[in-house]
Amino acid sequence: MPGRILIADDVATNRIVMKVKLSEACYDVLQAGGGRRALEMARAERPDLILLDLMMPDMDGIAVCRKLRADPATAGIPVIMITARRDSAAKMQALKAGADDFLSKPLDDMILLARVRSLLRARETAQELALREGTRRALGFEEAPQGFARQGRVALVAQRREAALAWKTALMPHLPRTRLEVLTRTLALARPEAAMAPDVFVIAADLDRPLAGLSLLSDLRARPATRHASVVMAVEEGARDAAAMALDLGANDLVTAPFDPEEMALRLATQLARKQQADQLRASVKDGLRLAVTDPLTGLFNRRYALPHLARIADRAQDSGRPFAVMLIDLDRFKAINDRHGHAAGDAVLTAMAKRLTRNLRAVDLIARIGGEEFLVVLPETGLAEATATAERLRTRIIATPVPLPGDAGVLTVSASIGLALSEGGDSGVDALLERADRALYAAKAEGRNKVTVSSRPAA
């Protein structure tokens, strides 16, 4: 994964050694000889990650990290604090200042590069979510409201239940507003819905067998309910292979077992905040885009979505040389239904038609409501015979079953006229196809309605 990394260290040889290691991994490396210069470069260059030395003469790494986190332009840049000191007080200072990790010299190349990859992946995900939120707002939606922060949920999975209970007892004073639950491996995988899944998992790298925790991590990442959960892996001192492997498999953070409860609480608080922020962004993007591209009555896609999607289908057909079909479906005498039975009856008819179309088409087919009583159906990689048979099946299913009207007002038989056009002979222009399908639809209406009419083939 490409990335731009800023190394901030007042010792030139340290910077050079780290630059060589990172350049060999194909990262673009920037260098700053002090804390103030690091701040200037962070604002100007917007690196993807910063390796920050703790002890620098002009401004120490703790002060630099605090300023980075206080500036909206640099607040989201991951920071790894690096130092020759090994005392826990320095590590706690760095984490409280906002550092994502704390590594002691001499650096282990395997752990350093795995940590860099992990943090860059997390940053890329955060940037993608922010980009989608920006797109949502560009479509005309207001900024998503920030609701009350819900209670965070942390699952503890250790080698033995007694060990997990000890973790819980140690963490409870530091995380009074967080729900801590002890789970087995089986229970961790048994939550079928995302709403039931914990926000963060703390997993021992070795469960019932060596590296079984990494296997659990892979399973959690593969399941929709837990795919976006954060995972903190607890590895034994010196287990560098397990630590690097955990990060590359998708762990969000690492601690060395036995861990310091205060340090673990800080790391968990960071992961909980990031997880809940990401969940809010995903929900707002999903809801906003759904509202932007979905017809609220029928639940089908609307014109805003359908036409760009049709254009992509056309582009793919041009590349593959395989035809696709376009149908325009119009309900017959729909205005009379509204006039005679009321708009509630008309809505019931439209909703019933949407369900019948969806049930009788493939998942790959595009179905959209593009007008009052007009629907668009696109059949990718479909020839004339298959498209004609599909159109006839839809026409038959529409008229076969009367639609129940609201308020026990009886039932109503509805028919539809269908215009069909096929992309053939290299003709996959969207506007031309829609025009041909529209002409075929008018021909079906003129011929008495409740008919399928196929447009003439494009001229060679």
Protein backbone atom coordinates (compact mmCIF):
# COMPACT_ATOMS: atom_id res chain seq x y z
CA MET A 1 0.00 0.00 0.00
CA PRO A 2 1.64 3.31 -1.04
CA GLY A 3 1.97 6.00 1.56
CA ARG A 4 3.90 9.11 2.51
CA ILE A 5 5.65 8.88 5.87
CA LEU A 6 7.27 11.72 7.81
CA ILE A 7 10.22 10.83 10.04
CA ALA A 8 10.86 13.39 12.80
CA ASP A 9 14.16 12.85 14.64
CA ASP A 10 16.94 15.28 15.53
CA VAL A 11 19.62 12.62 14.87
CA ALA A 12 20.40 12.43 11.16
CA THR A 13 21.69 8.85 11.26
CA ASN A 14 18.43 7.67 12.86
CA ARG A 15 16.44 9.32 10.10
CA ILE A 16 18.62 7.82 7.40
CA VAL A 17 18.37 4.28 8.79
CA MET A 18 14.58 4.48 9.03
CA LYS A 19 14.32 6.05 5.59
CA VAL A 20 16.25 3.16 4.05
CA LYS A 21 13.96 0.60 5.70
CA LEU A 22 10.80 2.39 4.62
CA SER A 23 12.02 3.19 1.12
CA GLU A 24 12.77 -0.48 0.56
CA ALA A 25 9.09 -1.11 1.32
CA CYS A 26 8.21 1.48 -1.39
CA TYR A 27 7.05 4.25 0.94
CA ASP A 28 7.64 7.90 0.10
CA VAL A 29 9.69 9.26 3.00
CA LEU A 30 9.96 12.83 4.27
CA GLN A 31 12.38 13.97 6.99
CA ALA A 32 12.24 16.61 9.70
CA GLY A 33 15.18 17.41 11.99
CA GLY A 34 13.10 18.65 14.91
CA GLY A 35 9.68 19.01 16.42
CA ARG A 36 8.82 22.45 15.05
CA ARG A 37 9.89 21.46 11.55
CA ALA A 38 7.80 18.29 11.88
CA LEU A 39 4.71 20.40 12.65
CA GLU A 40 5.38 22.67 9.64
CA MET A 41 5.81 19.70 7.30
CA ALA A 42 2.78 17.89 8.69
CA ARG A 43 0.58 20.90 7.89
CA ALA A 44 2.15 21.52 4.48
CA GLU A 45 2.67 17.96 3.21
CA ARG A 46 -0.18 16.11 4.97
CA PRO A 47 1.72 12.80 5.33
CA ASP A 48 -0.17 9.56 5.82
CA LEU A 49 1.79 8.65 8.96
CA ILE A 50 4.37 10.22 11.26
CA LEU A 51 7.24 8.45 13.03
CA LEU A 52 7.99 10.82 15.89
CA ASP A 53 11.00 10.74 18.18
CA LEU A 54 10.14 11.31 21.83
CA MET A 55 13.22 13.36 22.75
CA MET A 56 14.05 16.34 20.51
CA PRO A 57 15.79 19.52 21.71
CA ASP A 58 13.46 22.18 20.28
CA MET A 59 10.13 20.48 21.04
CA ASP A 60 9.67 16.97 22.41
CA GLY A 61 7.46 14.39 20.75
CA ILE A 62 4.72 14.66 23.39
CA ALA A 63 4.27 18.39 22.69
CA VAL A 64 4.36 17.81 18.95
CA CYS A 65 1.75 15.06 19.19
CA ARG A 66 -0.58 17.27 21.23
CA LYS A 67 -0.31 20.06 18.66
CA LEU A 68 -0.94 17.63 15.83
CA ARG A 69 -4.09 16.37 17.51
CA ALA A 70 -5.30 19.91 18.27
CA ASP A 71 -5.05 21.02 14.62
CA PRO A 72 -8.00 19.83 12.46
CA ALA A 73 -5.65 19.68 9.45
CA THR A 74 -3.40 17.11 11.12
CA ALA A 75 -5.62 15.53 13.78
CA GLY A 76 -6.26 12.37 11.77
CA ILE A 77 -2.64 11.56 10.89
CA PRO A 78 -1.49 8.37 12.67
CA VAL A 79 1.54 8.85 14.95
CA ILE A 80 4.02 6.24 16.13
CA MET A 81 6.18 7.53 18.98
CA ILE A 82 9.74 6.17 18.95
CA THR A 83 12.24 6.40 21.80
CA ALA A 84 15.14 4.70 23.51
CA ARG A 85 13.26 4.93 26.81
CA ARG A 86 11.44 1.82 27.95
CA ASP A 87 9.63 3.07 31.06
CA SER A 88 5.87 2.77 31.21
CA ALA A 89 5.46 6.43 32.23
CA ALA A 90 6.77 7.59 28.84
CA LYS A 91 4.46 5.20 27.04
CA MET A 92 1.42 6.44 29.00
CA GLN A 93 2.36 10.06 28.27
CA ALA A 94 2.59 9.30 24.56
CA LEU A 95 -0.74 7.49 24.44
CA LYS A 96 -2.49 10.23 26.42
CA ALA A 97 -1.07 12.81 24.00
CA GLY A 98 -2.73 10.95 21.13
CA ALA A 99 0.00 8.67 19.80
CA ASP A 100 -1.29 5.51 18.12
CA ASP A 101 1.63 3.39 19.24
CA PHE A 102 4.88 3.55 21.18
CA LEU A 103 7.94 1.65 19.96
CA SER A 104 11.28 1.39 21.75
CA LYS A 105 14.70 1.39 20.10
CA PRO A 106 16.32 -0.63 18.71
CA LEU A 107 13.35 -1.01 16.38
CA ASP A 108 12.23 -4.43 15.23
CA ASP A 109 11.86 -4.02 11.45
CA MET A 110 9.12 -6.67 11.19
CA ILE A 111 6.96 -5.06 13.90
CA LEU A 112 7.59 -1.53 12.62
CA LEU A 113 6.54 -2.32 9.05
CA ALA A 114 3.52 -4.35 10.18
CA ARG A 115 2.41 -1.47 12.41
CA VAL A 116 2.88 1.00 9.58
CA ARG A 117 0.78 -1.15 7.24
CA SER A 118 -1.95 -1.51 9.85
CA LEU A 119 -2.19 2.22 10.58
CA LEU A 120 -2.15 3.15 6.90
CA ARG A 121 -5.02 0.74 6.25
CA ALA A 122 -7.00 2.30 9.10
CA ARG A 123 -6.30 5.80 7.79
CA GLU A 124 -7.37 4.81 4.29
CA THR A 125 -10.65 3.44 5.65
CA ALA A 126 -11.29 6.60 7.66
CA GLN A 127 -10.57 8.79 4.62
CA GLU A 128 -12.89 6.71 2.43
CA LEU A 129 -15.71 7.06 4.96
CA ALA A 130 -15.13 10.80 5.16
CA LEU A 131 -15.14 11.02 1.36
CA ARG A 132 -18.45 9.18 1.15
CA GLU A 133 -19.91 11.49 3.78
CA GLY A 134 -18.77 14.42 1.65
CA THR A 135 -20.49 12.89 -1.37
CA ARG A 136 -23.65 12.43 0.69
CA ARG A 137 -23.64 16.14 1.56
CA ALA A 138 -22.90 17.06 -2.07
CA LEU A 139 -26.10 15.25 -3.03
CA GLY A 140 -27.97 17.80 -0.92
CA PHE A 141 -28.18 16.15 2.49
CA GLU A 142 -27.35 17.98 5.68
CA GLU A 143 -24.54 16.93 7.97
CA ALA A 144 -25.52 13.82 9.88
CA PRO A 145 -26.70 14.64 13.41
CA GLN A 146 -24.43 13.47 16.19
CA GLY A 147 -26.48 11.39 18.60
CA PHE A 148 -25.68 10.52 22.17
CA ALA A 149 -22.67 8.24 22.51
CA ARG A 150 -23.97 4.81 23.34
CA GLN A 151 -22.36 2.51 25.86
CA GLY A 152 -19.35 0.80 24.36
CA ARG A 153 -19.09 -2.98 24.41
CA VAL A 154 -15.80 -4.84 24.79
CA ALA A 155 -15.48 -8.62 24.55
CA LEU A 156 -12.62 -10.36 26.35
CA VAL A 157 -11.42 -13.68 24.90
CA ALA A 158 -8.53 -15.28 26.78
CA GLN A 159 -6.97 -18.75 27.01
CA ARG A 160 -9.09 -19.56 30.05
CA ARG A 161 -12.25 -18.05 31.47
CA GLU A 162 -10.41 -17.27 34.70
CA ALA A 163 -7.87 -15.18 32.79
CA ALA A 164 -10.60 -13.24 30.97
CA LEU A 165 -12.37 -12.59 34.28
CA ALA A 166 -9.10 -11.26 35.68
CA TRP A 167 -8.83 -8.91 32.68
CA LYS A 168 -12.36 -7.70 33.33
CA THR A 169 -11.70 -7.07 37.03
CA ALA A 170 -8.54 -5.10 36.22
CA LEU A 171 -10.19 -2.99 33.52
CA MET A 172 -13.49 -2.14 35.24
CA PRO A 173 -12.12 0.75 37.38
CA HIS A 174 -10.61 2.37 34.26
CA LEU A 175 -13.64 1.89 31.98
CA PRO A 176 -16.68 2.49 34.23
CA ARG A 177 -19.01 3.36 31.31
CA THR A 178 -18.02 0.44 29.13
CA ARG A 179 -19.74 -2.94 29.12
CA LEU A 180 -17.11 -5.66 29.52
CA GLU A 181 -18.14 -9.22 28.72
CA VAL A 182 -16.21 -12.47 28.84
CA LEU A 183 -16.69 -14.65 25.75
CA THR A 184 -15.42 -17.94 24.50
CA ARG A 185 -14.26 -18.33 20.90
CA THR A 186 -17.56 -19.99 20.02
CA LEU A 187 -19.66 -17.21 21.56
CA ALA A 188 -17.53 -14.55 19.84
CA LEU A 189 -18.55 -16.03 16.48
CA ALA A 190 -22.17 -16.72 17.40
CA ARG A 191 -23.54 -13.18 16.99
CA PRO A 192 -25.35 -13.18 13.61
CA GLU A 193 -26.23 -9.47 13.56
CA ALA A 194 -23.95 -6.45 13.76
CA ALA A 195 -26.22 -4.82 16.38
CA MET A 196 -25.47 -7.72 18.74
CA ALA A 197 -21.71 -7.74 18.20
CA PRO A 198 -19.21 -6.05 20.53
CA ASP A 199 -17.47 -2.88 19.37
CA VAL A 200 -14.03 -4.16 20.38
CA PHE A 201 -12.58 -7.61 20.93
CA VAL A 202 -9.54 -8.19 23.14
CA ILE A 203 -8.12 -11.56 22.11
CA ALA A 204 -5.20 -13.58 23.40
CA ALA A 205 -3.00 -14.68 20.51
CA ASP A 206 -2.83 -18.19 21.97
CA LEU A 207 -6.19 -19.65 22.98
CA ASP A 208 -6.71 -23.41 23.19
CA ARG A 209 -3.67 -23.82 20.91
CA PRO A 210 -0.81 -21.60 19.66
CA LEU A 211 -1.98 -18.75 17.39
CA ALA A 212 -5.63 -19.79 17.69
CA GLY A 213 -6.41 -16.15 18.48
CA LEU A 214 -5.19 -15.18 15.01
CA SER A 215 -7.56 -17.72 13.52
CA LEU A 216 -10.40 -16.14 15.51
CA LEU A 217 -9.33 -12.72 14.20
CA SER A 218 -9.57 -13.98 10.62
CA ASP A 219 -13.02 -15.44 11.27
CA LEU A 220 -14.26 -12.16 12.79
CA ARG A 221 -13.01 -10.20 9.79
CA ALA A 222 -14.75 -12.62 7.40
CA ARG A 223 -18.20 -12.26 8.99
CA PRO A 224 -20.52 -9.31 8.20
CA ALA A 225 -21.61 -8.91 11.83
CA THR A 226 -18.07 -8.40 13.14
CA ARG A 227 -16.22 -7.19 10.05
CA HIS A 228 -16.01 -3.61 11.32
CA ALA A 229 -15.34 -4.43 14.99
CA SER A 230 -12.00 -3.31 16.38
CA VAL A 231 -9.63 -6.01 17.58
CA VAL A 232 -6.84 -5.62 20.13
CA MET A 233 -4.52 -8.61 20.17
CA ALA A 234 -2.66 -9.58 23.36
CA VAL A 235 0.65 -11.25 22.49
CA GLU A 236 3.37 -12.63 24.70
CA GLU A 237 6.64 -10.72 25.15
CA GLY A 238 8.98 -11.48 22.27
CA ALA A 239 6.31 -13.09 20.06
CA ARG A 240 7.28 -10.90 17.11
CA ASP A 241 5.98 -13.25 14.41
CA ALA A 242 2.56 -13.48 16.06
CA ALA A 243 2.47 -9.70 16.57
CA ALA A 244 3.30 -8.91 12.94
CA MET A 245 0.90 -11.55 11.67
CA ALA A 246 -1.92 -10.18 13.85
CA LEU A 247 -1.49 -6.69 12.45
CA ASP A 248 -1.42 -7.94 8.86
CA LEU A 249 -4.56 -10.03 9.47
CA GLY A 250 -6.44 -6.92 10.55
CA ALA A 251 -5.82 -6.33 14.26
CA ASN A 252 -6.27 -2.66 15.10
CA ASP A 253 -3.88 -2.63 18.03
CA LEU A 254 -1.42 -4.76 20.00
CA VAL A 255 -0.58 -5.10 23.66
CA THR A 256 2.03 -7.24 25.35
CA ALA A 257 0.67 -9.75 27.85
CA PRO A 258 0.41 -9.44 30.75
CA PHE A 259 -0.80 -5.91 29.98
CA ASP A 260 -0.97 -2.82 32.14
CA PRO A 261 -4.68 -2.12 32.84
CA GLU A 262 -4.33 1.65 32.51
CA GLU A 263 -2.54 1.33 29.16
CA MET A 264 -5.10 -1.16 27.90
CA ALA A 265 -7.94 1.13 29.00
CA LEU A 266 -6.43 4.02 27.04
CA ARG A 267 -6.07 1.87 23.94
CA LEU A 268 -9.62 0.54 24.29
CA ALA A 269 -11.04 4.04 24.74
CA THR A 270 -9.32 5.09 21.51
CA GLN A 271 -10.65 2.06 19.63
CA LEU A 272 -14.18 2.56 20.98
CA ALA A 273 -14.22 6.21 19.91
CA ARG A 274 -12.97 5.37 16.42
CA LYS A 275 -15.39 2.48 16.03
CA GLN A 276 -18.41 4.54 17.05
CA GLN A 277 -17.38 7.43 14.81
CA ALA A 278 -16.94 5.05 11.87
CA ASP A 279 -20.33 3.46 12.61
CA GLN A 280 -22.00 6.87 12.58
CA LEU A 281 -20.37 7.73 9.26
CA ARG A 282 -21.34 4.41 7.71
CA ALA A 283 -24.92 4.81 8.87
CA SER A 284 -25.23 8.39 7.65
CA VAL A 285 -23.68 7.56 4.29
CA LYS A 286 -25.85 4.49 3.86
CA ASP A 287 -29.04 6.32 4.83
CA GLY A 288 -28.21 9.41 2.79
CA LEU A 289 -27.31 7.53 -0.35
CA ARG A 290 -30.31 5.25 0.05
CA LEU A 291 -32.60 8.27 0.23
CA ALA A 292 -30.83 9.90 -2.69
CA VAL A 293 -31.18 6.97 -5.09
CA THR A 294 -34.31 5.19 -3.90
CA ASP A 295 -37.97 5.80 -4.69
CA PRO A 296 -39.60 6.17 -1.26
CA LEU A 297 -42.90 4.55 -2.27
CA THR A 298 -41.75 1.39 -4.02
CA GLY A 299 -38.24 0.97 -2.62
CA LEU A 300 -36.89 0.64 -6.16
CA PHE A 301 -34.02 2.70 -7.51
CA ASN A 302 -34.98 6.06 -8.97
CA ARG A 303 -33.93 7.81 -12.18
CA ARG A 304 -31.01 9.48 -10.40
CA TYR A 305 -29.44 6.08 -9.84
CA ALA A 306 -30.79 4.18 -12.84
CA LEU A 307 -29.34 6.25 -15.68
CA PRO A 308 -25.70 6.23 -14.46
CA HIS A 309 -26.02 2.51 -13.71
CA LEU A 310 -27.40 1.90 -17.19
CA ALA A 311 -24.43 3.78 -18.62
CA ARG A 312 -22.03 1.48 -16.74
CA ILE A 313 -23.88 -1.59 -18.06
CA ALA A 314 -23.55 -0.17 -21.57
CA ASP A 315 -19.81 0.42 -21.12
CA ARG A 316 -19.31 -3.15 -19.92
CA ALA A 317 -21.35 -4.49 -22.85
CA GLN A 318 -19.17 -2.56 -25.25
CA ASP A 319 -16.05 -4.10 -23.70
CA SER A 320 -17.44 -7.65 -23.67
CA GLY A 321 -19.29 -7.54 -26.97
CA ARG A 322 -22.36 -9.12 -25.34
CA PRO A 323 -25.80 -7.50 -25.78
CA PHE A 324 -28.13 -6.26 -23.09
CA ALA A 325 -31.82 -5.39 -23.10
CA VAL A 326 -33.76 -2.33 -21.99
CA MET A 327 -37.47 -2.36 -21.15
CA LEU A 328 -39.78 0.53 -20.44
CA ILE A 329 -42.91 -0.66 -18.61
CA ASP A 330 -45.93 1.60 -18.29
CA LEU A 331 -49.08 0.71 -16.36
CA ASP A 332 -52.17 0.98 -18.52
CA ARG A 333 -54.80 3.64 -17.71
CA PHE A 334 -53.11 4.50 -14.44
CA LYS A 335 -54.61 8.01 -14.33
CA ALA A 336 -58.08 6.47 -14.36
CA ILE A 337 -57.13 4.37 -11.32
CA ASN A 338 -56.18 7.49 -9.39
CA ASP A 339 -59.24 9.39 -10.56
CA ARG A 340 -61.71 6.60 -9.79
CA HIS A 341 -60.24 4.96 -6.69
CA GLY A 342 -58.00 7.67 -5.21
CA HIS A 343 -54.26 8.12 -4.84
CA ALA A 344 -54.02 5.55 -2.04
CA ALA A 345 -55.21 2.94 -4.52
CA GLY A 346 -52.71 4.18 -7.08
CA ASP A 347 -49.91 3.86 -4.50
CA ALA A 348 -51.03 0.32 -3.70
CA VAL A 349 -50.88 -0.58 -7.40
CA LEU A 350 -47.39 0.89 -7.82
CA THR A 351 -46.12 -0.94 -4.74
CA ALA A 352 -47.60 -4.23 -5.95
CA MET A 353 -46.03 -3.78 -9.41
CA ALA A 354 -42.62 -3.12 -7.86
CA LYS A 355 -42.85 -6.34 -5.86
CA ARG A 356 -43.90 -8.37 -8.91
CA LEU A 357 -41.05 -7.01 -11.00
CA THR A 358 -38.51 -7.72 -8.26
CA ARG A 359 -39.76 -11.29 -7.72
CA ASN A 360 -39.61 -12.11 -11.42
CA LEU A 361 -36.19 -10.73 -12.29
CA ARG A 362 -32.60 -11.67 -11.46
CA ALA A 363 -30.57 -9.99 -8.77
CA VAL A 364 -28.21 -8.68 -11.47
CA ASP A 365 -31.04 -6.96 -13.37
CA LEU A 366 -31.68 -3.26 -12.82
CA ILE A 367 -35.23 -2.28 -11.78
CA ALA A 368 -36.14 1.38 -11.29
CA ARG A 369 -39.19 3.62 -11.11
CA ILE A 370 -38.35 6.50 -13.43
CA GLY A 371 -41.73 8.23 -13.68
CA GLY A 372 -45.19 8.28 -12.17
CA GLU A 373 -46.27 4.87 -13.47
CA GLU A 374 -43.24 4.07 -15.61
CA PHE A 375 -40.58 1.51 -14.75
CA LEU A 376 -37.19 0.80 -16.30
CA VAL A 377 -35.77 -2.72 -16.43
CA VAL A 378 -32.29 -3.50 -17.76
CA LEU A 379 -31.16 -7.08 -18.40
CA PRO A 380 -27.34 -7.33 -18.65
CA GLU A 381 -25.81 -9.92 -21.02
CA THR A 382 -29.18 -10.92 -22.45
CA GLY A 383 -30.08 -11.80 -26.04
CA LEU A 384 -33.29 -11.03 -27.92
CA ALA A 385 -35.06 -14.37 -27.34
CA GLU A 386 -34.41 -14.36 -23.60
CA ALA A 387 -35.32 -10.68 -23.26
CA THR A 388 -38.59 -11.15 -25.16
CA ALA A 389 -39.52 -14.16 -23.03
CA THR A 390 -38.75 -12.17 -19.86
CA ALA A 391 -40.89 -9.24 -21.01
CA GLU A 392 -43.81 -11.57 -21.79
CA ARG A 393 -43.44 -13.23 -18.39
CA LEU A 394 -43.56 -9.86 -16.66
CA ARG A 395 -46.60 -8.75 -18.63
CA THR A 396 -48.42 -11.99 -17.76
CA ARG A 397 -47.53 -11.83 -14.06
CA ILE A 398 -48.67 -8.21 -13.80
CA ILE A 399 -52.18 -8.90 -15.10
CA ALA A 400 -52.56 -12.39 -13.58
CA THR A 401 -53.22 -11.40 -9.97
CA PRO A 402 -55.56 -8.52 -9.03
CA VAL A 403 -54.20 -5.92 -6.62
CA PRO A 404 -55.97 -5.61 -3.23
CA LEU A 405 -57.05 -2.01 -2.65
CA PRO A 406 -56.63 -0.31 0.74
CA GLY A 407 -59.49 -0.21 3.19
CA ASP A 408 -61.09 -3.46 1.98
CA ALA A 409 -62.19 -1.63 -1.17
CA GLY A 410 -61.91 -4.76 -3.27
CA VAL A 411 -59.34 -5.70 -5.86
CA LEU A 412 -58.24 -4.21 -9.15
CA THR A 413 -56.87 -5.94 -12.25
CA VAL A 414 -53.98 -4.02 -13.75
CA SER A 415 -52.17 -4.48 -17.06
CA ALA A 416 -48.97 -3.00 -18.47
CA SER A 417 -47.50 -2.19 -21.87
CA ILE A 418 -43.82 -2.93 -22.45
CA GLY A 419 -41.38 -1.51 -24.96
CA LEU A 420 -38.23 -3.58 -25.47
CA ALA A 421 -34.96 -2.58 -27.14
CA LEU A 422 -31.81 -4.66 -27.49
CA SER A 423 -28.22 -3.49 -27.74
CA GLU A 424 -26.73 -5.24 -30.76
CA GLY A 425 -24.11 -4.77 -33.43
CA GLY A 426 -21.92 -2.51 -31.31
CA ASP A 427 -24.82 -0.14 -30.57
CA SER A 428 -24.87 0.38 -26.82
CA GLY A 429 -25.59 4.11 -26.65
CA VAL A 430 -27.84 4.74 -23.68
CA ASP A 431 -29.85 7.59 -25.20
CA ALA A 432 -30.45 5.68 -28.44
CA LEU A 433 -31.59 2.56 -26.60
CA LEU A 434 -33.97 4.47 -24.36
CA GLU A 435 -35.42 6.26 -27.36
CA ARG A 436 -35.99 2.97 -29.18
CA ALA A 437 -37.57 1.39 -26.10
CA ASP A 438 -39.79 4.46 -25.71
CA ARG A 439 -40.97 4.22 -29.34
CA ALA A 440 -41.70 0.53 -28.83
CA LEU A 441 -43.69 1.37 -25.69
CA TYR A 442 -45.84 3.88 -27.59
CA ALA A 443 -46.41 1.25 -30.28
CA ALA A 444 -47.61 -1.21 -27.62
CA LYS A 445 -50.04 1.39 -26.31
CA ALA A 446 -51.27 2.18 -29.83
CA GLU A 447 -51.85 -1.50 -30.56
CA GLY A 448 -54.31 -1.87 -27.69
CA ARG A 449 -52.16 -1.99 -24.51
CA ASN A 450 -51.21 -5.05 -22.44
CA LYS A 451 -48.63 -5.91 -25.09
CA VAL A 452 -44.86 -6.35 -25.51
CA THR A 453 -43.44 -4.58 -28.54
CA VAL A 454 -39.84 -5.07 -29.63
CA SER A 455 -38.15 -2.14 -31.31
CA SER A 456 -36.56 -2.58 -34.69
CA ARG A 457 -32.86 -3.41 -34.62
CA PRO A 458 -30.39 -0.57 -35.04
CA ALA A 459 -29.18 0.11 -38.53
CA ALA A 460 -25.90 -1.58 -39.39
